[in-house]
Amino acid sequence: MEKKIKISELPDFDMAQYLKSEEDIAAYLSMVIADGDTSELAYALGVAAKARGMSEAAARARLAARF
């Protein structure tokens, strides 16, 4: 018998963690725009902004490690 998993036990999903490059962000936003849901687009823009912030922080950390 399979063990049932409660929803509360599932890990949180954060799309921003999977948007590693500007190309990833552009593809994600293009798919959302194609769906035509303006409320989803507003959410996706926030995800894209978060992803860009994460990418910039990672780039700064790599730069700081060189010095």
Protein backbone atom coordinates (compact mmCIF):
# COMPACT_ATOMS: atom_id res chain seq x y z
CA MET A 1 0.00 0.00 0.00
CA GLU A 2 1.29 3.45 -0.89
CA LYS A 3 1.94 5.94 1.87
CA LYS A 4 -0.27 9.00 1.53
CA ILE A 5 1.44 12.35 1.72
CA LYS A 6 -0.27 15.35 3.22
CA ILE A 7 -0.17 18.55 1.25
CA SER A 8 1.37 20.29 4.24
CA GLU A 9 4.33 17.88 4.00
CA LEU A 10 5.16 18.80 0.42
CA PRO A 11 8.07 21.20 -0.14
CA ASP A 12 7.29 24.74 -1.27
CA PHE A 13 7.69 25.35 -4.99
CA ASP A 14 9.41 28.57 -6.00
CA MET A 15 9.53 29.12 -9.76
CA ALA A 16 12.18 31.81 -9.32
CA GLN A 17 14.69 29.14 -8.32
CA TYR A 18 14.40 27.58 -11.78
CA LEU A 19 14.85 30.79 -13.76
CA LYS A 20 18.64 30.86 -14.00
CA SER A 21 19.14 33.16 -17.00
CA GLU A 22 17.52 36.00 -18.89
CA GLU A 23 16.54 33.42 -21.54
CA ASP A 24 14.73 31.35 -18.89
CA ILE A 25 12.89 34.43 -17.64
CA ALA A 26 11.91 35.46 -21.18
CA ALA A 27 10.59 31.98 -21.98
CA TYR A 28 8.58 31.88 -18.74
CA LEU A 29 7.05 35.31 -19.33
CA SER A 30 6.28 34.44 -22.96
CA MET A 31 4.35 31.34 -21.88
CA VAL A 32 2.38 33.33 -19.32
CA ILE A 33 1.57 36.05 -21.87
CA ALA A 34 0.43 33.41 -24.36
CA ASP A 35 -2.06 32.12 -21.76
CA GLY A 36 -3.66 35.57 -21.67
CA ASP A 37 -4.36 35.68 -17.91
CA THR A 38 -3.48 39.18 -16.68
CA SER A 39 -3.49 38.22 -13.01
CA GLU A 40 -1.04 35.40 -13.74
CA LEU A 41 1.12 37.85 -15.69
CA ALA A 42 1.26 40.18 -12.69
CA TYR A 43 2.38 37.26 -10.51
CA ALA A 44 4.92 36.12 -13.14
CA LEU A 45 6.48 39.58 -13.27
CA GLY A 46 7.07 39.36 -9.53
CA VAL A 47 8.63 35.92 -9.95
CA ALA A 48 10.88 37.28 -12.71
CA ALA A 49 11.97 40.19 -10.52
CA LYS A 50 12.78 37.77 -7.69
CA ALA A 51 14.72 35.54 -10.08
CA ARG A 52 16.74 38.49 -11.33
CA GLY A 53 17.53 39.47 -7.76
CA MET A 54 18.69 35.94 -6.99
CA SER A 55 20.86 35.88 -10.13
CA GLU A 56 22.44 39.21 -9.27
CA ALA A 57 23.18 38.07 -5.72
CA ALA A 58 24.80 34.88 -7.01
CA ALA A 59 26.89 36.86 -9.49
CA ARG A 60 28.04 39.24 -6.75
CA ALA A 61 28.95 36.31 -4.51
CA ARG A 62 31.08 34.78 -7.28
CA LEU A 63 32.75 38.14 -7.88
CA ALA A 64 33.46 38.64 -4.17
CA ALA A 65 34.97 35.14 -3.96
CA ARG A 66 37.59 36.14 -6.55
CA PHE A 67 39.01 38.88 -4.34
